[in-house]
Amino acid sequence: MSFIKEFKAFAVKGNVVDMAVGIIIGAAFGKIVSSFVGDVIMPPIGLLLGGVDFSDLAIVLKEAQGDTPAVLLAYGQFLQTVIDFLIIAFAVFMGIKAINRLKREEEVVEEAPADPTPSNEELLLGEIRDLLKQQNTKQ
């Protein structure tokens, strides 16, 4: 019975829920990036390279024979996946960089020196010190 309680405690922790939300958003973001790369980035690059459609780039390893399809080394799909990865990695890098900048700004604000004017306690202690010095010099 304790196993079920432990699992329930683990499953409802904020970290697990946050991770699940991150995975879902990440999957959706991946689809957006794939569409951006496939539909916006790659067509102009293919046009610059003479109308090449990257998704169709492949090396035929074995020609089709009858009902057997050709065996292809589809490096165009690989290129598109690499470009997808680079865009996602860059977007994540920029996001983390922005978060780190915000954290550094918060730390600087927190580390800002307090008001240089002495507190009432410090003033009183200074007066006591001065009075003690006066008494010691009179003796």
Protein backbone atom coordinates (compact mmCIF):
# COMPACT_ATOMS: atom_id res chain seq x y z
CA MET A 1 0.00 0.00 0.00
CA SER A 2 2.88 2.40 0.69
CA PHE A 3 4.07 1.99 -2.93
CA ILE A 4 0.80 3.46 -4.18
CA LYS A 5 1.08 6.37 -1.74
CA GLU A 6 4.66 7.01 -2.82
CA PHE A 7 3.68 6.92 -6.49
CA LYS A 8 0.75 9.25 -5.88
CA ALA A 9 3.01 11.70 -4.01
CA PHE A 10 5.50 11.57 -6.89
CA ALA A 11 2.88 11.94 -9.62
CA VAL A 12 1.18 14.99 -8.11
CA LYS A 13 4.37 16.89 -7.27
CA GLY A 14 4.72 20.18 -9.07
CA ASN A 15 7.88 19.06 -10.86
CA VAL A 16 6.13 16.19 -12.62
CA VAL A 17 3.23 18.38 -13.69
CA ASP A 18 5.65 21.10 -14.86
CA MET A 19 7.60 18.51 -16.83
CA ALA A 20 4.43 17.18 -18.47
CA VAL A 21 3.38 20.69 -19.48
CA GLY A 22 6.89 21.31 -20.86
CA ILE A 23 6.78 18.12 -22.92
CA ILE A 24 3.38 18.99 -24.38
CA ILE A 25 4.44 22.54 -25.23
CA GLY A 26 7.74 21.24 -26.59
CA ALA A 27 5.94 18.83 -28.92
CA ALA A 28 3.71 21.63 -30.19
CA PHE A 29 6.75 23.90 -30.60
CA GLY A 30 8.49 21.12 -32.54
CA LYS A 31 5.59 20.98 -34.99
CA ILE A 32 5.73 24.75 -35.44
CA VAL A 33 9.46 24.63 -36.09
CA SER A 34 9.10 21.73 -38.51
CA SER A 35 6.48 23.66 -40.44
CA PHE A 36 8.63 26.81 -40.36
CA VAL A 37 11.65 24.93 -41.69
CA GLY A 38 9.77 22.83 -44.24
CA ASP A 39 7.38 25.49 -45.50
CA VAL A 40 9.30 28.77 -45.04
CA ILE A 41 13.06 28.15 -44.81
CA MET A 42 13.67 25.22 -47.13
CA PRO A 43 11.76 26.38 -50.26
CA PRO A 44 13.91 29.53 -50.73
CA ILE A 45 17.08 27.55 -50.04
CA GLY A 46 15.97 24.93 -52.54
CA LEU A 47 15.20 27.69 -55.06
CA LEU A 48 18.67 29.18 -54.57
CA LEU A 49 20.15 25.75 -55.20
CA GLY A 50 18.29 25.35 -58.48
CA GLY A 51 14.79 24.32 -57.41
CA VAL A 52 15.91 21.41 -55.25
CA ASP A 53 13.30 20.09 -52.80
CA PHE A 54 15.31 18.87 -49.82
CA SER A 55 12.72 16.32 -48.76
CA ASP A 56 13.16 14.60 -52.13
CA LEU A 57 16.95 14.44 -51.99
CA ALA A 58 18.01 10.81 -51.87
CA ILE A 59 20.52 8.36 -53.23
CA VAL A 60 19.07 5.24 -54.81
CA LEU A 61 20.84 2.25 -53.32
CA LYS A 62 18.71 -0.30 -55.17
CA GLU A 63 16.24 0.34 -57.97
CA ALA A 64 12.63 -0.72 -57.62
CA GLN A 65 11.91 -4.18 -59.01
CA GLY A 66 8.34 -5.24 -59.64
CA ASP A 67 6.39 -4.89 -56.39
CA THR A 68 9.53 -4.17 -54.35
CA PRO A 69 10.07 -0.44 -53.79
CA ALA A 70 13.44 1.19 -54.32
CA VAL A 71 15.88 1.34 -51.43
CA LEU A 72 16.79 5.00 -50.83
CA LEU A 73 19.26 6.85 -48.68
CA ALA A 74 17.01 9.86 -47.95
CA TYR A 75 19.58 12.42 -46.85
CA GLY A 76 17.21 15.30 -47.68
CA GLN A 77 14.94 14.36 -44.78
CA PHE A 78 18.01 14.18 -42.58
CA LEU A 79 19.12 17.67 -43.65
CA GLN A 80 15.67 19.03 -42.85
CA THR A 81 15.72 17.34 -39.42
CA VAL A 82 19.16 18.80 -38.68
CA ILE A 83 17.93 22.28 -39.61
CA ASP A 84 14.83 21.75 -37.41
CA PHE A 85 17.13 20.81 -34.53
CA LEU A 86 19.38 23.83 -35.03
CA ILE A 87 16.42 26.21 -35.01
CA ILE A 88 14.93 24.59 -31.90
CA ALA A 89 18.33 24.61 -30.15
CA PHE A 90 18.81 28.28 -31.04
CA ALA A 91 15.33 29.18 -29.77
CA VAL A 92 15.93 27.33 -26.49
CA PHE A 93 19.34 28.98 -26.15
CA MET A 94 17.82 32.44 -26.63
CA GLY A 95 15.08 31.65 -24.09
CA ILE A 96 17.56 30.43 -21.48
CA LYS A 97 19.81 33.41 -22.18
CA ALA A 98 16.88 35.78 -21.53
CA ILE A 99 15.95 33.95 -18.32
CA ASN A 100 19.55 34.05 -17.08
CA ARG A 101 19.74 37.79 -17.84
CA LEU A 102 16.58 38.36 -15.79
CA LYS A 103 18.02 36.30 -12.91
CA ARG A 104 21.26 38.30 -12.98
CA GLU A 105 19.29 41.56 -12.89
CA GLU A 106 17.33 40.29 -9.87
CA GLU A 107 20.58 39.33 -8.11
CA VAL A 108 22.05 42.78 -8.76
CA VAL A 109 18.94 44.41 -7.30
CA GLU A 110 19.09 42.12 -4.25
CA GLU A 111 22.82 42.78 -3.75
CA ALA A 112 22.43 46.55 -3.95
CA PRO A 113 23.94 48.14 -0.83
CA ALA A 114 21.55 49.29 1.83
CA ASP A 115 21.07 52.97 2.62
CA PRO A 116 24.44 54.27 3.91
CA THR A 117 22.82 56.30 6.69
CA PRO A 118 23.36 54.56 10.03
CA SER A 119 20.40 53.07 11.87
CA ASN A 120 19.23 54.35 15.26
CA GLU A 121 21.01 51.46 16.96
CA GLU A 122 24.28 52.33 15.27
CA LEU A 123 23.91 55.99 16.28
CA LEU A 124 23.24 55.03 19.89
CA LEU A 125 26.18 52.64 19.96
CA GLY A 126 28.39 55.40 18.55
CA GLU A 127 27.24 57.79 21.29
CA ILE A 128 27.93 55.14 23.97
CA ARG A 129 31.40 54.56 22.53
CA ASP A 130 32.13 58.28 22.54
CA LEU A 131 30.91 58.63 26.15
CA LEU A 132 33.08 55.70 27.23
CA LYS A 133 36.11 57.26 25.53
CA GLN A 134 35.44 60.55 27.35
CA GLN A 135 35.17 58.78 30.71
CA ASN A 136 38.43 56.86 30.11
CA THR A 137 40.31 60.02 29.18
CA LYS A 138 39.06 61.83 32.36
CA GLN A 139 40.39 59.07 34.61
